[in-house]
Amino acid sequence: MPPPLPAPKTVWLWTAIMAAGAHLPLISLLMIWAQEGHCGDGLCGFMESVFVWLLCGFVALVAAIVGLARGERPRWLALVALATMVVPMAVLMGVAAL
């Protein structure tokens, strides 16, 4: 009987977490660059921020799905990627509503 195969390393799940967390520094850089110029509508960098957030979310989702399909353990790391993406935006929306 051959020995059992080792579990794959969690490269894709950690990649999903890093991609999910990458939107925070990227949006901060966009806001800094938007302050240097003038914009008449007051939405400097808004659409760019939305696109960055969606792109980071898409990459995190794809990386998490690939990691789960490969059978990487522990599987709860996929939930960490989701929380890393959603929690900061929920806090930001809550603060903005005040």
PDB file of N, CA and C in Angstrom:
ATOM      1  N   MET A   1       0.843  -1.169   0.000  1.00  0.00           N
ATOM      2  CA  MET A   1       0.000   0.000   0.000  1.00  0.00           C
ATOM      3  C   MET A   1       0.900   1.248   0.000  1.00  0.00           C
ATOM      4  N   PRO A   2       0.690   2.164  -0.970  1.00  0.00           N
ATOM      5  CA  PRO A   2       1.550   3.361  -1.024  1.00  0.00           C
ATOM      6  C   PRO A   2       1.220   4.315   0.122  1.00  0.00           C
ATOM      7  N   PRO A   3       2.211   5.109   0.520  1.00  0.00           N
ATOM      8  CA  PRO A   3       1.950   6.073   1.605  1.00  0.00           C
ATOM      9  C   PRO A   3       0.971   7.144   1.140  1.00  0.00           C
ATOM     10  N   PRO A   4       0.205   7.730   2.073  1.00  0.00           N
ATOM     11  CA  PRO A   4      -0.753   8.776   1.673  1.00  0.00           C
ATOM     12  C   PRO A   4      -0.033  10.012   1.157  1.00  0.00           C
ATOM     13  N   LEU A   5      -0.675  10.671   0.227  1.00  0.00           N
ATOM     14  CA  LEU A   5      -0.094  11.886  -0.341  1.00  0.00           C
ATOM     15  C   LEU A   5      -0.164  13.017   0.681  1.00  0.00           C
ATOM     16  N   PRO A   6       0.853  13.840   0.752  1.00  0.00           N
ATOM     17  CA  PRO A   6       0.800  14.964   1.695  1.00  0.00           C
ATOM     18  C   PRO A   6      -0.219  16.009   1.238  1.00  0.00           C
ATOM     19  N   ALA A   7      -0.773  16.715   2.193  1.00  0.00           N
ATOM     20  CA  ALA A   7      -1.726  17.777   1.859  1.00  0.00           C
ATOM     21  C   ALA A   7      -0.989  18.899   1.144  1.00  0.00           C
ATOM     22  N   PRO A   8      -1.609  19.511   0.130  1.00  0.00           N
ATOM     23  CA  PRO A   8      -0.947  20.612  -0.570  1.00  0.00           C
ATOM     24  C   PRO A   8      -0.735  21.808   0.353  1.00  0.00           C
ATOM     25  N   LYS A   9       0.301  22.549   0.073  1.00  0.00           N
ATOM     26  CA  LYS A   9       0.557  23.760   0.855  1.00  0.00           C
ATOM     27  C   LYS A   9      -0.565  24.767   0.597  1.00  0.00           C
ATOM     28  N   THR A  10      -0.745  25.680   1.522  1.00  0.00           N
ATOM     29  CA  THR A  10      -1.870  26.624   1.447  1.00  0.00           C
ATOM     30  C   THR A  10      -1.500  27.892   0.683  1.00  0.00           C
ATOM     31  N   VAL A  11      -0.823  27.743  -0.420  1.00  0.00           N
ATOM     32  CA  VAL A  11      -0.370  28.903  -1.186  1.00  0.00           C
ATOM     33  C   VAL A  11      -1.551  29.700  -1.735  1.00  0.00           C
ATOM     34  N   TRP A  12      -2.533  29.034  -2.303  1.00  0.00           N
ATOM     35  CA  TRP A  12      -3.646  29.747  -2.941  1.00  0.00           C
ATOM     36  C   TRP A  12      -4.537  30.428  -1.915  1.00  0.00           C
ATOM     37  N   LEU A  13      -4.732  29.796  -0.770  1.00  0.00           N
ATOM     38  CA  LEU A  13      -5.577  30.427   0.242  1.00  0.00           C
ATOM     39  C   LEU A  13      -4.896  31.658   0.837  1.00  0.00           C
ATOM     40  N   TRP A  14      -3.596  31.591   1.056  1.00  0.00           N
ATOM     41  CA  TRP A  14      -2.879  32.794   1.540  1.00  0.00           C
ATOM     42  C   TRP A  14      -2.858  33.871   0.465  1.00  0.00           C
ATOM     43  N   THR A  15      -2.776  33.467  -0.798  1.00  0.00           N
ATOM     44  CA  THR A  15      -2.854  34.437  -1.889  1.00  0.00           C
ATOM     45  C   THR A  15      -4.212  35.126  -1.890  1.00  0.00           C
ATOM     46  N   ALA A  16      -5.270  34.378  -1.603  1.00  0.00           N
ATOM     47  CA  ALA A  16      -6.611  34.963  -1.535  1.00  0.00           C
ATOM     48  C   ALA A  16      -6.691  36.002  -0.415  1.00  0.00           C
ATOM     49  N   ILE A  17      -6.081  35.705   0.725  1.00  0.00           N
ATOM     50  CA  ILE A  17      -6.098  36.654   1.846  1.00  0.00           C
ATOM     51  C   ILE A  17      -5.320  37.911   1.492  1.00  0.00           C
ATOM     52  N   MET A  18      -4.163  37.748   0.865  1.00  0.00           N
ATOM     53  CA  MET A  18      -3.368  38.923   0.489  1.00  0.00           C
ATOM     54  C   MET A  18      -4.084  39.756  -0.573  1.00  0.00           C
ATOM     55  N   ALA A  19      -4.727  39.110  -1.533  1.00  0.00           N
ATOM     56  CA  ALA A  19      -5.465  39.860  -2.561  1.00  0.00           C
ATOM     57  C   ALA A  19      -6.645  40.594  -1.951  1.00  0.00           C
ATOM     58  N   ALA A  20      -7.301  39.978  -0.980  1.00  0.00           N
ATOM     59  CA  ALA A  20      -8.443  40.624  -0.336  1.00  0.00           C
ATOM     60  C   ALA A  20      -7.992  41.831   0.487  1.00  0.00           C
ATOM     61  N   GLY A  21      -6.842  41.732   1.106  1.00  0.00           N
ATOM     62  CA  GLY A  21      -6.341  42.843   1.912  1.00  0.00           C
ATOM     63  C   GLY A  21      -5.633  43.919   1.109  1.00  0.00           C
ATOM     64  N   ALA A  22      -5.344  43.651  -0.146  1.00  0.00           N
ATOM     65  CA  ALA A  22      -4.606  44.614  -0.966  1.00  0.00           C
ATOM     66  C   ALA A  22      -5.426  45.845  -1.313  1.00  0.00           C
ATOM     67  N   HIS A  23      -6.748  45.769  -1.189  1.00  0.00           N
ATOM     68  CA  HIS A  23      -7.557  46.920  -1.576  1.00  0.00           C
ATOM     69  C   HIS A  23      -7.366  48.096  -0.616  1.00  0.00           C
ATOM     70  N   LEU A  24      -7.007  47.841   0.642  1.00  0.00           N
ATOM     71  CA  LEU A  24      -6.837  48.942   1.597  1.00  0.00           C
ATOM     72  C   LEU A  24      -5.676  49.866   1.224  1.00  0.00           C
ATOM     73  N   PRO A  25      -4.453  49.354   1.017  1.00  0.00           N
ATOM     74  CA  PRO A  25      -3.385  50.276   0.614  1.00  0.00           C
ATOM     75  C   PRO A  25      -3.583  50.864  -0.775  1.00  0.00           C
ATOM     76  N   LEU A  26      -4.185  50.100  -1.686  1.00  0.00           N
ATOM     77  CA  LEU A  26      -4.404  50.629  -3.032  1.00  0.00           C
ATOM     78  C   LEU A  26      -5.396  51.791  -3.023  1.00  0.00           C
ATOM     79  N   ILE A  27      -6.462  51.662  -2.261  1.00  0.00           N
ATOM     80  CA  ILE A  27      -7.444  52.743  -2.189  1.00  0.00           C
ATOM     81  C   ILE A  27      -6.848  53.950  -1.467  1.00  0.00           C
ATOM     82  N   SER A  28      -6.005  53.713  -0.454  1.00  0.00           N
ATOM     83  CA  SER A  28      -5.333  54.824   0.223  1.00  0.00           C
ATOM     84  C   SER A  28      -4.444  55.598  -0.745  1.00  0.00           C
ATOM     85  N   LEU A  29      -3.714  54.876  -1.594  1.00  0.00           N
ATOM     86  CA  LEU A  29      -2.885  55.547  -2.596  1.00  0.00           C
ATOM     87  C   LEU A  29      -3.737  56.329  -3.584  1.00  0.00           C
ATOM     88  N   LEU A  30      -4.870  55.764  -3.990  1.00  0.00           N
ATOM     89  CA  LEU A  30      -5.759  56.481  -4.900  1.00  0.00           C
ATOM     90  C   LEU A  30      -6.266  57.779  -4.268  1.00  0.00           C
ATOM     91  N   MET A  31      -6.598  57.727  -2.981  1.00  0.00           N
ATOM     92  CA  MET A  31      -7.097  58.929  -2.311  1.00  0.00           C
ATOM     93  C   MET A  31      -6.004  59.995  -2.205  1.00  0.00           C
ATOM     94  N   ILE A  32      -4.778  59.582  -1.953  1.00  0.00           N
ATOM     95  CA  ILE A  32      -3.663  60.537  -1.881  1.00  0.00           C
ATOM     96  C   ILE A  32      -3.460  61.188  -3.243  1.00  0.00           C
ATOM     97  N   TRP A  33      -3.485  60.387  -4.303  1.00  0.00           N
ATOM     98  CA  TRP A  33      -3.292  60.941  -5.645  1.00  0.00           C
ATOM     99  C   TRP A  33      -4.465  61.815  -6.065  1.00  0.00           C
ATOM    100  N   ALA A  34      -5.665  61.489  -5.612  1.00  0.00           N
ATOM    101  CA  ALA A  34      -6.837  62.277  -5.985  1.00  0.00           C
ATOM    102  C   ALA A  34      -6.817  63.649  -5.321  1.00  0.00           C
ATOM    103  N   GLN A  35      -6.170  63.779  -4.170  1.00  0.00           N
ATOM    104  CA  GLN A  35      -6.106  65.062  -3.481  1.00  0.00           C
ATOM    105  C   GLN A  35      -5.181  66.038  -4.179  1.00  0.00           C
ATOM    106  N   GLU A  36      -4.266  65.527  -4.988  1.00  0.00           N
ATOM    107  CA  GLU A  36      -3.326  66.403  -5.676  1.00  0.00           C
ATOM    108  C   GLU A  36      -3.985  67.166  -6.813  1.00  0.00           C
ATOM    109  N   GLY A  37      -4.995  66.592  -7.425  1.00  0.00           N
ATOM    110  CA  GLY A  37      -5.663  67.248  -8.544  1.00  0.00           C
ATOM    111  C   GLY A  37      -6.954  67.900  -8.092  1.00  0.00           C
ATOM    112  N   HIS A  38      -7.619  68.522  -9.038  1.00  0.00           N
ATOM    113  CA  HIS A  38      -8.901  69.154  -8.750  1.00  0.00           C
ATOM    114  C   HIS A  38      -9.998  68.389  -9.478  1.00  0.00           C
ATOM    115  N   CYS A  39     -11.097  68.183  -8.783  1.00  0.00           N
ATOM    116  CA  CYS A  39     -12.232  67.538  -9.426  1.00  0.00           C
ATOM    117  C   CYS A  39     -13.485  68.333  -9.080  1.00  0.00           C
ATOM    118  N   GLY A  40     -14.305  68.550 -10.075  1.00  0.00           N
ATOM    119  CA  GLY A  40     -15.480  69.386  -9.881  1.00  0.00           C
ATOM    120  C   GLY A  40     -16.659  68.679  -9.259  1.00  0.00           C
ATOM    121  N   ASP A  41     -16.731  67.363  -9.390  1.00  0.00           N
ATOM    122  CA  ASP A  41     -17.917  66.667  -8.903  1.00  0.00           C
ATOM    123  C   ASP A  41     -17.796  66.189  -7.467  1.00  0.00           C
ATOM    124  N   GLY A  42     -16.625  66.272  -6.848  1.00  0.00           N
ATOM    125  CA  GLY A  42     -16.441  65.846  -5.466  1.00  0.00           C
ATOM    126  C   GLY A  42     -16.303  64.341  -5.300  1.00  0.00           C
ATOM    127  N   LEU A  43     -16.256  63.607  -6.378  1.00  0.00           N
ATOM    128  CA  LEU A  43     -16.118  62.156  -6.306  1.00  0.00           C
ATOM    129  C   LEU A  43     -14.736  61.718  -6.778  1.00  0.00           C
ATOM    130  N   CYS A  44     -13.729  62.448  -6.393  1.00  0.00           N
ATOM    131  CA  CYS A  44     -12.363  62.138  -6.828  1.00  0.00           C
ATOM    132  C   CYS A  44     -11.984  60.721  -6.419  1.00  0.00           C
ATOM    133  N   GLY A  45     -11.723  59.884  -7.363  1.00  0.00           N
ATOM    134  CA  GLY A  45     -11.265  58.532  -7.098  1.00  0.00           C
ATOM    135  C   GLY A  45     -12.347  57.555  -6.689  1.00  0.00           C
ATOM    136  N   PHE A  46     -13.619  57.937  -6.728  1.00  0.00           N
ATOM    137  CA  PHE A  46     -14.667  57.027  -6.268  1.00  0.00           C
ATOM    138  C   PHE A  46     -14.783  55.804  -7.171  1.00  0.00           C
ATOM    139  N   MET A  47     -14.939  56.030  -8.465  1.00  0.00           N
ATOM    140  CA  MET A  47     -15.091  54.890  -9.371  1.00  0.00           C
ATOM    141  C   MET A  47     -13.824  54.038  -9.417  1.00  0.00           C
ATOM    142  N   GLU A  48     -12.665  54.680  -9.335  1.00  0.00           N
ATOM    143  CA  GLU A  48     -11.418  53.919  -9.310  1.00  0.00           C
ATOM    144  C   GLU A  48     -11.366  53.034  -8.074  1.00  0.00           C
ATOM    145  N   SER A  49     -11.829  53.563  -6.938  1.00  0.00           N
ATOM    146  CA  SER A  49     -11.844  52.779  -5.700  1.00  0.00           C
ATOM    147  C   SER A  49     -12.787  51.587  -5.823  1.00  0.00           C
ATOM    148  N   VAL A  50     -13.930  51.798  -6.438  1.00  0.00           N
ATOM    149  CA  VAL A  50     -14.878  50.699  -6.634  1.00  0.00           C
ATOM    150  C   VAL A  50     -14.255  49.630  -7.525  1.00  0.00           C
ATOM    151  N   PHE A  51     -13.595  50.035  -8.591  1.00  0.00           N
ATOM    152  CA  PHE A  51     -12.969  49.065  -9.488  1.00  0.00           C
ATOM    153  C   PHE A  51     -11.845  48.306  -8.793  1.00  0.00           C
ATOM    154  N   VAL A  52     -11.034  49.000  -7.987  1.00  0.00           N
ATOM    155  CA  VAL A  52      -9.965  48.334  -7.246  1.00  0.00           C
ATOM    156  C   VAL A  52     -10.555  47.311  -6.285  1.00  0.00           C
ATOM    157  N   TRP A  53     -11.608  47.692  -5.560  1.00  0.00           N
ATOM    158  CA  TRP A  53     -12.223  46.788  -4.606  1.00  0.00           C
ATOM    159  C   TRP A  53     -12.795  45.556  -5.313  1.00  0.00           C
ATOM    160  N   LEU A  54     -13.473  45.766  -6.443  1.00  0.00           N
ATOM    161  CA  LEU A  54     -14.042  44.636  -7.177  1.00  0.00           C
ATOM    162  C   LEU A  54     -12.956  43.731  -7.761  1.00  0.00           C
ATOM    163  N   LEU A  55     -11.894  44.322  -8.278  1.00  0.00           N
ATOM    164  CA  LEU A  55     -10.812  43.518  -8.845  1.00  0.00           C
ATOM    165  C   LEU A  55     -10.121  42.695  -7.762  1.00  0.00           C
ATOM    166  N   CYS A  56      -9.843  43.305  -6.616  1.00  0.00           N
ATOM    167  CA  CYS A  56      -9.226  42.560  -5.516  1.00  0.00           C
ATOM    168  C   CYS A  56     -10.159  41.452  -5.034  1.00  0.00           C
ATOM    169  N   GLY A  57     -11.453  41.736  -4.992  1.00  0.00           N
ATOM    170  CA  GLY A  57     -12.416  40.716  -4.596  1.00  0.00           C
ATOM    171  C   GLY A  57     -12.475  39.566  -5.582  1.00  0.00           C
ATOM    172  N   PHE A  58     -12.415  39.880  -6.867  1.00  0.00           N
ATOM    173  CA  PHE A  58     -12.438  38.842  -7.889  1.00  0.00           C
ATOM    174  C   PHE A  58     -11.203  37.955  -7.795  1.00  0.00           C
ATOM    175  N   VAL A  59     -10.040  38.560  -7.647  1.00  0.00           N
ATOM    176  CA  VAL A  59      -8.795  37.783  -7.525  1.00  0.00           C
ATOM    177  C   VAL A  59      -8.824  36.928  -6.263  1.00  0.00           C
ATOM    178  N   ALA A  60      -9.318  37.487  -5.156  1.00  0.00           N
ATOM    179  CA  ALA A  60      -9.404  36.721  -3.910  1.00  0.00           C
ATOM    180  C   ALA A  60     -10.366  35.549  -4.059  1.00  0.00           C
ATOM    181  N   LEU A  61     -11.482  35.767  -4.729  1.00  0.00           N
ATOM    182  CA  LEU A  61     -12.459  34.693  -4.930  1.00  0.00           C
ATOM    183  C   LEU A  61     -11.885  33.582  -5.798  1.00  0.00           C
ATOM    184  N   VAL A  62     -11.227  33.946  -6.880  1.00  0.00           N
ATOM    185  CA  VAL A  62     -10.627  32.936  -7.767  1.00  0.00           C
ATOM    186  C   VAL A  62      -9.544  32.155  -7.024  1.00  0.00           C
ATOM    187  N   ALA A  63      -8.691  32.848  -6.279  1.00  0.00           N
ATOM    188  CA  ALA A  63      -7.618  32.167  -5.539  1.00  0.00           C
ATOM    189  C   ALA A  63      -8.192  31.250  -4.464  1.00  0.00           C
ATOM    190  N   ALA A  64      -9.253  31.685  -3.789  1.00  0.00           N
ATOM    191  CA  ALA A  64      -9.877  30.831  -2.768  1.00  0.00           C
ATOM    192  C   ALA A  64     -10.506  29.599  -3.392  1.00  0.00           C
ATOM    193  N   ILE A  65     -11.166  29.754  -4.532  1.00  0.00           N
ATOM    194  CA  ILE A  65     -11.786  28.608  -5.199  1.00  0.00           C
ATOM    195  C   ILE A  65     -10.724  27.618  -5.666  1.00  0.00           C
ATOM    196  N   VAL A  66      -9.634  28.126  -6.225  1.00  0.00           N
ATOM    197  CA  VAL A  66      -8.552  27.233  -6.669  1.00  0.00           C
ATOM    198  C   VAL A  66      -7.952  26.509  -5.467  1.00  0.00           C
ATOM    199  N   GLY A  67      -7.740  27.230  -4.364  1.00  0.00           N
ATOM    200  CA  GLY A  67      -7.191  26.599  -3.166  1.00  0.00           C
ATOM    201  C   GLY A  67      -8.106  25.532  -2.605  1.00  0.00           C
ATOM    202  N   LEU A  68      -9.405  25.818  -2.585  1.00  0.00           N
ATOM    203  CA  LEU A  68     -10.349  24.815  -2.086  1.00  0.00           C
ATOM    204  C   LEU A  68     -10.442  23.619  -3.030  1.00  0.00           C
ATOM    205  N   ALA A  69     -10.366  23.870  -4.337  1.00  0.00           N
ATOM    206  CA  ALA A  69     -10.418  22.777  -5.311  1.00  0.00           C
ATOM    207  C   ALA A  69      -9.186  21.879  -5.209  1.00  0.00           C
ATOM    208  N   ARG A  70      -8.049  22.460  -4.848  1.00  0.00           N
ATOM    209  CA  ARG A  70      -6.829  21.670  -4.679  1.00  0.00           C
ATOM    210  C   ARG A  70      -6.826  20.905  -3.366  1.00  0.00           C
ATOM    211  N   GLY A  71      -7.784  21.188  -2.489  1.00  0.00           N
ATOM    212  CA  GLY A  71      -7.865  20.487  -1.209  1.00  0.00           C
ATOM    213  C   GLY A  71      -6.914  21.030  -0.169  1.00  0.00           C
ATOM    214  N   GLU A  72      -6.583  22.298  -0.278  1.00  0.00           N
ATOM    215  CA  GLU A  72      -5.668  22.892   0.694  1.00  0.00           C
ATOM    216  C   GLU A  72      -6.345  22.957   2.057  1.00  0.00           C
ATOM    217  N   ARG A  73      -5.575  22.735   3.079  1.00  0.00           N
ATOM    218  CA  ARG A  73      -6.061  22.780   4.452  1.00  0.00           C
ATOM    219  C   ARG A  73      -5.305  23.848   5.196  1.00  0.00           C
ATOM    220  N   PRO A  74      -5.812  24.518   6.160  1.00  0.00           N
ATOM    221  CA  PRO A  74      -7.173  24.484   6.677  1.00  0.00           C
ATOM    222  C   PRO A  74      -8.127  25.281   5.785  1.00  0.00           C
ATOM    223  N   ARG A  75      -9.309  24.777   5.622  1.00  0.00           N
ATOM    224  CA  ARG A  75     -10.287  25.384   4.724  1.00  0.00           C
ATOM    225  C   ARG A  75     -10.850  26.702   5.248  1.00  0.00           C
ATOM    226  N   TRP A  76     -10.757  26.941   6.544  1.00  0.00           N
ATOM    227  CA  TRP A  76     -11.305  28.181   7.101  1.00  0.00           C
ATOM    228  C   TRP A  76     -10.537  29.404   6.632  1.00  0.00           C
ATOM    229  N   LEU A  77      -9.380  29.238   6.032  1.00  0.00           N
ATOM    230  CA  LEU A  77      -8.634  30.385   5.494  1.00  0.00           C
ATOM    231  C   LEU A  77      -9.422  31.075   4.381  1.00  0.00           C
ATOM    232  N   ALA A  78     -10.266  30.331   3.683  1.00  0.00           N
ATOM    233  CA  ALA A  78     -11.112  30.957   2.655  1.00  0.00           C
ATOM    234  C   ALA A  78     -12.081  31.945   3.296  1.00  0.00           C
ATOM    235  N   LEU A  79     -12.561  31.634   4.492  1.00  0.00           N
ATOM    236  CA  LEU A  79     -13.440  32.568   5.209  1.00  0.00           C
ATOM    237  C   LEU A  79     -12.679  33.799   5.680  1.00  0.00           C
ATOM    238  N   VAL A  80     -11.407  33.632   6.012  1.00  0.00           N
ATOM    239  CA  VAL A  80     -10.587  34.783   6.401  1.00  0.00           C
ATOM    240  C   VAL A  80     -10.444  35.740   5.228  1.00  0.00           C
ATOM    241  N   ALA A  81     -10.283  35.184   4.028  1.00  0.00           N
ATOM    242  CA  ALA A  81     -10.188  36.042   2.838  1.00  0.00           C
ATOM    243  C   ALA A  81     -11.474  36.830   2.642  1.00  0.00           C
ATOM    244  N   LEU A  82     -12.611  36.188   2.834  1.00  0.00           N
ATOM    245  CA  LEU A  82     -13.896  36.880   2.700  1.00  0.00           C
ATOM    246  C   LEU A  82     -14.035  37.968   3.766  1.00  0.00           C
ATOM    247  N   ALA A  83     -13.673  37.648   4.989  1.00  0.00           N
ATOM    248  CA  ALA A  83     -13.760  38.639   6.068  1.00  0.00           C
ATOM    249  C   ALA A  83     -12.807  39.805   5.832  1.00  0.00           C
ATOM    250  N   THR A  84     -11.626  39.522   5.294  1.00  0.00           N
ATOM    251  CA  THR A  84     -10.663  40.584   5.006  1.00  0.00           C
ATOM    252  C   THR A  84     -11.193  41.534   3.946  1.00  0.00           C
ATOM    253  N   MET A  85     -12.046  41.026   3.082  1.00  0.00           N
ATOM    254  CA  MET A  85     -12.611  41.852   2.018  1.00  0.00           C
ATOM    255  C   MET A  85     -13.828  42.642   2.491  1.00  0.00           C
ATOM    256  N   VAL A  86     -14.677  42.012   3.291  1.00  0.00           N
ATOM    257  CA  VAL A  86     -15.973  42.598   3.618  1.00  0.00           C
ATOM    258  C   VAL A  86     -15.929  43.486   4.863  1.00  0.00           C
ATOM    259  N   VAL A  87     -15.236  43.073   5.907  1.00  0.00           N
ATOM    260  CA  VAL A  87     -15.275  43.791   7.186  1.00  0.00           C
ATOM    261  C   VAL A  87     -14.797  45.236   7.068  1.00  0.00           C
ATOM    262  N   PRO A  88     -13.641  45.528   6.421  1.00  0.00           N
ATOM    263  CA  PRO A  88     -13.240  46.944   6.325  1.00  0.00           C
ATOM    264  C   PRO A  88     -14.245  47.803   5.563  1.00  0.00           C
ATOM    265  N   MET A  89     -14.861  47.239   4.527  1.00  0.00           N
ATOM    266  CA  MET A  89     -15.838  48.019   3.773  1.00  0.00           C
ATOM    267  C   MET A  89     -17.111  48.240   4.587  1.00  0.00           C
ATOM    268  N   ALA A  90     -17.511  47.244   5.386  1.00  0.00           N
ATOM    269  CA  ALA A  90     -18.687  47.410   6.232  1.00  0.00           C
ATOM    270  C   ALA A  90     -18.445  48.477   7.296  1.00  0.00           C
ATOM    271  N   VAL A  91     -17.258  48.495   7.862  1.00  0.00           N
ATOM    272  CA  VAL A  91     -16.911  49.527   8.852  1.00  0.00           C
ATOM    273  C   VAL A  91     -16.893  50.898   8.188  1.00  0.00           C
ATOM    274  N   LEU A  92     -16.309  50.967   6.995  1.00  0.00           N
ATOM    275  CA  LEU A  92     -16.260  52.243   6.285  1.00  0.00           C
ATOM    276  C   LEU A  92     -17.660  52.754   5.960  1.00  0.00           C
ATOM    277  N   MET A  93     -18.537  51.887   5.509  1.00  0.00           N
ATOM    278  CA  MET A  93     -19.908  52.298   5.192  1.00  0.00           C
ATOM    279  C   MET A  93     -20.659  52.700   6.455  1.00  0.00           C
ATOM    280  N   GLY A  94     -20.387  52.007   7.558  1.00  0.00           N
ATOM    281  CA  GLY A  94     -21.023  52.373   8.823  1.00  0.00           C
ATOM    282  C   GLY A  94     -20.566  53.722   9.319  1.00  0.00           C
ATOM    283  N   VAL A  95     -19.296  54.007   9.188  1.00  0.00           N
ATOM    284  CA  VAL A  95     -18.758  55.308   9.613  1.00  0.00           C
ATOM    285  C   VAL A  95     -19.262  56.410   8.683  1.00  0.00           C
ATOM    286  N   ALA A  96     -19.357  56.129   7.394  1.00  0.00           N
ATOM    287  CA  ALA A  96     -19.815  57.126   6.436  1.00  0.00           C
ATOM    288  C   ALA A  96     -21.300  57.476   6.655  1.00  0.00           C
ATOM    289  N   ALA A  97     -22.053  56.525   7.210  1.00  0.00           N
ATOM    290  CA  ALA A  97     -23.476  56.772   7.431  1.00  0.00           C
ATOM    291  C   ALA A  97     -23.736  57.634   8.671  1.00  0.00           C
ATOM    292  N   LEU A  98     -22.731  57.798   9.508  1.00  0.00           N
ATOM    293  CA  LEU A  98     -22.920  58.601  10.722  1.00  0.00           C
ATOM    294  C   LEU A  98     -23.042  60.073  10.438  1.00  0.00           C
TER     295      LEU A  98
END
